[in-house]
C-alpha atoms as a PDB file:
ATOM      1  CA  MET A   1      36.684 -73.874 -41.797  1.00  0.00           C
ATOM      2  CA  ASP A   2      37.858 -75.772 -44.872  1.00  0.00           C
ATOM      3  CA  ALA A   3      36.154 -79.130 -45.509  1.00  0.00           C
ATOM      4  CA  ILE A   4      39.553 -80.850 -45.690  1.00  0.00           C
ATOM      5  CA  VAL A   5      40.363 -79.520 -42.201  1.00  0.00           C
ATOM      6  CA  GLU A   6      37.047 -80.767 -40.803  1.00  0.00           C
ATOM      7  CA  ALA A   7      37.706 -84.199 -42.322  1.00  0.00           C
ATOM      8  CA  ALA A   8      41.201 -84.309 -40.804  1.00  0.00           C
ATOM      9  CA  LEU A   9      39.776 -83.428 -37.377  1.00  0.00           C
ATOM     10  CA  LYS A  10      37.347 -86.350 -37.609  1.00  0.00           C
ATOM     11  CA  LYS A  11      40.073 -88.744 -38.767  1.00  0.00           C
ATOM     12  CA  TRP A  12      42.678 -87.649 -36.167  1.00  0.00           C
ATOM     13  CA  PRO A  13      40.793 -86.050 -33.242  1.00  0.00           C
ATOM     14  CA  ASN A  14      43.589 -86.208 -30.662  1.00  0.00           C
ATOM     15  CA  VAL A  15      46.552 -84.502 -32.330  1.00  0.00           C
ATOM     16  CA  PRO A  16      48.446 -82.374 -29.745  1.00  0.00           C
ATOM     17  CA  HIS A  17      48.159 -78.612 -29.997  1.00  0.00           C
ATOM     18  CA  CYS A  18      51.131 -76.505 -31.094  1.00  0.00           C
ATOM     19  CA  TYR A  19      52.249 -73.298 -29.319  1.00  0.00           C
ATOM     20  CA  GLY A  20      54.593 -70.460 -30.245  1.00  0.00           C
ATOM     21  CA  TRP A  21      55.174 -71.354 -33.896  1.00  0.00           C
ATOM     22  CA  LEU A  22      52.881 -68.766 -35.512  1.00  0.00           C
ATOM     23  CA  ALA A  23      52.437 -65.073 -34.751  1.00  0.00           C
ATOM     24  CA  LEU A  24      50.387 -62.112 -36.018  1.00  0.00           C
ATOM     25  CA  ASP A  25      51.951 -58.659 -35.915  1.00  0.00           C
ATOM     26  CA  ALA A  26      50.350 -55.214 -35.715  1.00  0.00           C
ATOM     27  CA  ARG A  27      50.288 -54.861 -39.506  1.00  0.00           C
ATOM     28  CA  GLY A  28      48.399 -58.119 -40.113  1.00  0.00           C
ATOM     29  CA  ASP A  29      51.450 -60.104 -41.216  1.00  0.00           C
ATOM     30  CA  TRP A  30      51.946 -63.744 -40.208  1.00  0.00           C
ATOM     31  CA  TYR A  31      55.300 -65.028 -38.958  1.00  0.00           C
ATOM     32  CA  MET A  32      56.644 -68.556 -38.553  1.00  0.00           C
ATOM     33  CA  ARG A  33      58.664 -68.921 -35.340  1.00  0.00           C
ATOM     34  CA  ASP A  34      60.661 -72.145 -35.261  1.00  0.00           C
ATOM     35  CA  GLU A  35      62.528 -73.329 -32.162  1.00  0.00           C
ATOM     36  CA  ARG A  36      65.653 -71.303 -33.040  1.00  0.00           C
ATOM     37  CA  ILE A  37      63.632 -68.077 -33.390  1.00  0.00           C
ATOM     38  CA  GLN A  38      61.663 -68.766 -30.215  1.00  0.00           C
ATOM     39  CA  ALA A  39      64.929 -69.244 -28.318  1.00  0.00           C
ATOM     40  CA  ALA A  40      66.307 -65.975 -29.770  1.00  0.00           C
ATOM     41  CA  GLY A  41      63.658 -63.850 -28.065  1.00  0.00           C
ATOM     42  CA  PRO A  42      59.985 -63.066 -27.576  1.00  0.00           C
ATOM     43  CA  PHE A  43      57.611 -61.901 -30.263  1.00  0.00           C
ATOM     44  CA  PRO A  44      57.534 -59.204 -31.622  1.00  0.00           C
ATOM     45  CA  ARG A  45      61.116 -58.287 -30.673  1.00  0.00           C
ATOM     46  CA  VAL A  46      62.231 -61.340 -32.663  1.00  0.00           C
ATOM     47  CA  LYS A  47      59.596 -61.933 -35.311  1.00  0.00           C
ATOM     48  CA  GLY A  48      60.789 -64.910 -37.337  1.00  0.00           C
ATOM     49  CA  SER A  49      60.081 -65.595 -41.000  1.00  0.00           C
ATOM     50  CA  ARG A  50      57.287 -63.565 -42.581  1.00  0.00           C
ATOM     51  CA  ILE A  51      54.836 -65.753 -44.480  1.00  0.00           C
ATOM     52  CA  VAL A  52      54.445 -64.482 -48.043  1.00  0.00           C
ATOM     53  CA  HIS A  53      52.922 -67.487 -49.857  1.00  0.00           C
ATOM     54  CA  ASP A  54      49.434 -66.343 -50.908  1.00  0.00           C
ATOM     55  CA  LYS A  55      47.803 -69.796 -50.782  1.00  0.00           C
ATOM     56  CA  LEU A  56      49.204 -70.507 -47.306  1.00  0.00           C
ATOM     57  CA  ILE A  57      48.010 -67.102 -46.073  1.00  0.00           C
ATOM     58  CA  GLY A  58      44.564 -67.795 -47.528  1.00  0.00           C
ATOM     59  CA  PHE A  59      44.464 -71.202 -45.814  1.00  0.00           C
ATOM     60  CA  ILE A  60      45.400 -69.611 -42.476  1.00  0.00           C
ATOM     61  CA  HIS A  61      42.731 -66.929 -42.928  1.00  0.00           C
ATOM     62  CA  ARG A  62      39.976 -69.467 -43.650  1.00  0.00           C
ATOM     63  CA  ASN A  63      40.894 -71.564 -40.613  1.00  0.00           C
ATOM     64  CA  TYR A  64      41.542 -68.780 -38.069  1.00  0.00           C
ATOM     65  CA  ALA A  65      39.432 -68.752 -34.905  1.00  0.00           C
ATOM     66  CA  ALA A  66      39.437 -68.370 -31.129  1.00  0.00           C
ATOM     67  CA  ASP A  67      38.804 -70.947 -28.456  1.00  0.00           C
ATOM     68  CA  GLU A  68      36.540 -70.531 -25.428  1.00  0.00           C
ATOM     69  CA  HIS A  69      39.452 -69.047 -23.407  1.00  0.00           C
ATOM     70  CA  GLY A  70      40.218 -66.169 -25.822  1.00  0.00           C
ATOM     71  CA  ALA A  71      43.270 -67.863 -27.339  1.00  0.00           C
ATOM     72  CA  TRP A  72      43.499 -67.523 -31.121  1.00  0.00           C
ATOM     73  CA  PHE A  73      44.619 -70.363 -33.336  1.00  0.00           C
ATOM     74  CA  PHE A  74      44.939 -71.622 -36.878  1.00  0.00           C
ATOM     75  CA  GLN A  75      43.414 -75.055 -37.424  1.00  0.00           C
ATOM     76  CA  ASN A  76      46.044 -76.798 -39.558  1.00  0.00           C
ATOM     77  CA  GLY A  77      44.370 -80.057 -40.481  1.00  0.00           C
ATOM     78  CA  PRO A  78      43.992 -82.012 -37.249  1.00  0.00           C
ATOM     79  CA  GLN A  79      46.420 -79.776 -35.353  1.00  0.00           C
ATOM     80  CA  ARG A  80      45.440 -76.561 -33.599  1.00  0.00           C
ATOM     81  CA  VAL A  81      48.315 -74.064 -33.886  1.00  0.00           C
ATOM     82  CA  TYR A  82      47.945 -71.435 -31.150  1.00  0.00           C
ATOM     83  CA  LEU A  83      49.429 -68.115 -32.097  1.00  0.00           C
ATOM     84  CA  GLN A  84      50.990 -65.118 -30.494  1.00  0.00           C
ATOM     85  CA  LEU A  85      49.296 -61.782 -31.074  1.00  0.00           C
ATOM     86  CA  GLU A  86      51.335 -58.598 -30.994  1.00  0.00           C
ATOM     87  CA  LEU A  87      48.327 -56.447 -30.017  1.00  0.00           C
ATOM     88  CA  ALA A  88      44.982 -57.893 -31.122  1.00  0.00           C
ATOM     89  CA  PRO A  89      43.475 -60.765 -33.123  1.00  0.00           C
ATOM     90  CA  TRP A  90      42.204 -58.514 -35.904  1.00  0.00           C
ATOM     91  CA  ILE A  91      43.943 -55.841 -37.957  1.00  0.00           C
ATOM     92  CA  TRP A  92      41.361 -53.562 -39.552  1.00  0.00           C
ATOM     93  CA  ARG A  93      41.645 -52.135 -43.063  1.00  0.00           C
ATOM     94  CA  LEU A  94      39.265 -49.302 -43.906  1.00  0.00           C
ATOM     95  CA  GLN A  95      37.762 -49.385 -47.364  1.00  0.00           C
ATOM     96  CA  PRO A  96      36.928 -46.340 -49.529  1.00  0.00           C
ATOM     97  CA  ASP A  97      33.237 -47.281 -49.406  1.00  0.00           C
ATOM     98  CA  GLY A  98      33.263 -47.135 -45.566  1.00  0.00           C
ATOM     99  CA  ARG A  99      33.422 -50.880 -44.909  1.00  0.00           C
ATOM    100  CA  VAL A 100      35.831 -52.244 -42.320  1.00  0.00           C
ATOM    101  CA  LEU A 101      37.628 -55.446 -43.294  1.00  0.00           C
ATOM    102  CA  SER A 102      39.886 -57.615 -41.183  1.00  0.00           C
ATOM    103  CA  HIS A 103      43.328 -58.728 -42.323  1.00  0.00           C
ATOM    104  CA  THR A 104      41.569 -62.017 -43.232  1.00  0.00           C
ATOM    105  CA  GLY A 105      39.009 -60.241 -45.438  1.00  0.00           C
ATOM    106  CA  ARG A 106      36.054 -60.586 -43.050  1.00  0.00           C
ATOM    107  CA  GLU A 107      33.726 -57.588 -42.851  1.00  0.00           C
ATOM    108  CA  ALA A 108      33.036 -56.128 -39.401  1.00  0.00           C
ATOM    109  CA  GLN A 109      30.481 -53.730 -37.943  1.00  0.00           C
ATOM    110  CA  VAL A 110      32.076 -51.090 -35.707  1.00  0.00           C
ATOM    111  CA  LEU A 111      30.612 -50.762 -32.211  1.00  0.00           C
ATOM    112  CA  GLY A 112      33.159 -48.240 -30.909  1.00  0.00           C
ATOM    113  CA  ALA A 113      36.660 -46.848 -31.280  1.00  0.00           C
ATOM    114  CA  VAL A 114      39.226 -46.836 -28.471  1.00  0.00           C
ATOM    115  CA  LEU A 115      42.497 -44.961 -28.201  1.00  0.00           C
ATOM    116  CA  ASP A 116      45.056 -46.641 -25.936  1.00  0.00           C
ATOM    117  CA  GLU A 117      47.882 -45.159 -23.869  1.00  0.00           C
ATOM    118  CA  GLN A 118      50.244 -45.270 -26.863  1.00  0.00           C
ATOM    119  CA  ASP A 119      47.741 -43.523 -29.170  1.00  0.00           C
ATOM    120  CA  ARG A 120      46.971 -46.744 -31.061  1.00  0.00           C
ATOM    121  CA  LEU A 121      43.434 -46.875 -32.409  1.00  0.00           C
ATOM    122  CA  PHE A 122      41.441 -50.047 -31.769  1.00  0.00           C
ATOM    123  CA  LEU A 123      37.960 -50.842 -33.002  1.00  0.00           C
ATOM    124  CA  GLU A 124      35.506 -52.902 -30.999  1.00  0.00           C
ATOM    125  CA  THR A 125      33.347 -54.731 -33.533  1.00  0.00           C
ATOM    126  CA  ASP A 126      30.882 -57.561 -33.884  1.00  0.00           C
ATOM    127  CA  LEU A 127      33.921 -59.804 -34.603  1.00  0.00           C
ATOM    128  CA  GLY A 128      35.839 -58.574 -31.559  1.00  0.00           C
ATOM    129  CA  LEU A 129      38.757 -56.276 -30.870  1.00  0.00           C
ATOM    130  CA  GLY A 130      41.167 -55.200 -33.564  1.00  0.00           C
ATOM    131  CA  LEU A 131      43.785 -52.588 -34.321  1.00  0.00           C
ATOM    132  CA  VAL A 132      43.364 -50.078 -37.132  1.00  0.00           C
ATOM    133  CA  HIS A 133      46.209 -50.525 -39.614  1.00  0.00           C
ATOM    134  CA  THR A 134      48.628 -47.593 -39.512  1.00  0.00           C
ATOM    135  CA  GLN A 135      47.981 -46.813 -43.186  1.00  0.00           C
ATOM    136  CA  ASP A 136      44.277 -46.268 -42.450  1.00  0.00           C
ATOM    137  CA  MET A 137      44.530 -43.657 -39.709  1.00  0.00           C
ATOM    138  CA  GLY A 138      43.355 -40.827 -42.006  1.00  0.00           C
ATOM    139  CA  PRO A 139      40.017 -42.446 -42.879  1.00  0.00           C
ATOM    140  CA  ALA A 140      39.659 -43.566 -39.230  1.00  0.00           C
ATOM    141  CA  ALA A 141      40.089 -39.969 -38.041  1.00  0.00           C
ATOM    142  CA  ASP A 142      37.434 -38.904 -40.572  1.00  0.00           C
ATOM    143  CA  ALA A 143      35.013 -41.540 -39.207  1.00  0.00           C
ATOM    144  CA  ILE A 144      35.528 -40.272 -35.658  1.00  0.00           C
ATOM    145  CA  GLU A 145      35.309 -36.573 -36.558  1.00  0.00           C
ATOM    146  CA  SER A 146      32.136 -37.121 -38.593  1.00  0.00           C
ATOM    147  CA  GLY A 147      30.508 -38.922 -35.640  1.00  0.00           C
ATOM    148  CA  ARG A 148      30.269 -42.336 -37.347  1.00  0.00           C
ATOM    149  CA  TRP A 149      32.354 -43.837 -34.528  1.00  0.00           C
ATOM    150  CA  THR A 150      32.337 -42.913 -30.849  1.00  0.00           C
ATOM    151  CA  LEU A 151      35.826 -42.593 -29.352  1.00  0.00           C
ATOM    152  CA  SER A 152      36.802 -43.618 -25.825  1.00  0.00           C
ATOM    153  CA  ASN A 153      40.085 -44.260 -24.032  1.00  0.00           C
ATOM    154  CA  ALA A 154      41.478 -47.352 -22.332  1.00  0.00           C
ATOM    155  CA  THR A 155      44.844 -48.932 -21.747  1.00  0.00           C
ATOM    156  CA  HIS A 156      45.853 -51.840 -23.940  1.00  0.00           C
ATOM    157  CA  ALA A 157      45.783 -54.092 -20.857  1.00  0.00           C
ATOM    158  CA  GLU A 158      42.198 -52.993 -20.137  1.00  0.00           C
ATOM    159  CA  LEU A 159      41.162 -53.772 -23.713  1.00  0.00           C
ATOM    160  CA  VAL A 160      42.786 -57.216 -23.593  1.00  0.00           C
ATOM    161  CA  ALA A 161      41.034 -57.974 -20.293  1.00  0.00           C
ATOM    162  CA  ARG A 162      37.673 -56.592 -21.470  1.00  0.00           C
ATOM    163  CA  HIS A 163      37.748 -58.828 -24.548  1.00  0.00           C
ATOM    164  CA  GLY A 164      39.156 -61.848 -22.692  1.00  0.00           C
ATOM    165  CA  LEU A 165      42.132 -62.195 -25.029  1.00  0.00           C
ATOM    166  CA  GLN A 166      45.198 -64.349 -24.587  1.00  0.00           C
ATOM    167  CA  LEU A 167      47.982 -62.625 -26.502  1.00  0.00           C
ATOM    168  CA  GLU A 168      50.439 -65.460 -25.909  1.00  0.00           C
ATOM    169  CA  PRO A 169      48.719 -68.788 -25.164  1.00  0.00           C
ATOM    170  CA  GLN A 170      50.859 -71.266 -23.275  1.00  0.00           C
ATOM    171  CA  ASP A 171      50.851 -75.036 -23.462  1.00  0.00           C
ATOM    172  CA  PRO A 172      49.256 -76.125 -20.165  1.00  0.00           C
ATOM    173  CA  LYS A 173      51.511 -79.211 -20.195  1.00  0.00           C
ATOM    174  CA  ARG A 174      54.566 -76.934 -20.085  1.00  0.00           C
ATOM    175  CA  ALA A 175      53.239 -74.434 -17.558  1.00  0.00           C
ATOM    176  CA  PRO A 176      55.924 -73.411 -15.108  1.00  0.00           C
ATOM    177  CA  SER A 177      55.675 -75.283 -11.857  1.00  0.00           C
ATOM    178  CA  ALA A 178      55.803 -73.594  -8.465  1.00  0.00           C
ATOM    179  CA  PRO A 179      59.349 -73.017  -7.115  1.00  0.00           C
ATOM    180  CA  ALA A 180      60.561 -75.582  -4.594  1.00  0.00           C
ATOM    181  CA  GLY A 181      59.344 -74.884  -1.078  1.00  0.00           C
ATOM    182  CA  LYS A 182      56.330 -72.853  -2.268  1.00  0.00           C
ATOM    183  CA  ASP A 183      52.773 -74.112  -1.782  1.00  0.00           C
END
């Protein structure tokens, strides 16, 4: 985490969390989702504005983490911005030298490969669950065929549950209440 972020957290420890304004798609792209976009439909059907500013993307990457409940967030100064994940918190890019890097540039050690019901390839790593970027399916197939990675099958829902992920964290203060007459 950036030192400036840690200082802001100490100075303003009780800033309310933010929900629904940032999303990560299956290609590792970040999207801003203002109130108008959120009202227009759920992510990823309605994505919002793709973030292209390199310094902002770098700041998000350095301050990207998960809480104890499996909800991923970006620590923006004193405010925790919870984000929506299209499929997983990491998007893996395979390097020519065999390394596996996340969309944030962090290196991961592969523990296993999993094909879901839609033939999407996920890697379970020391950093957690992530999706192999579509452009890296050739090298991923080579890693499986050569025996470097062991392949198994699971549904996406099973993977999410196994890794304790929240794909769309909700503000507990705005949680829907029980319908009238229901206990």
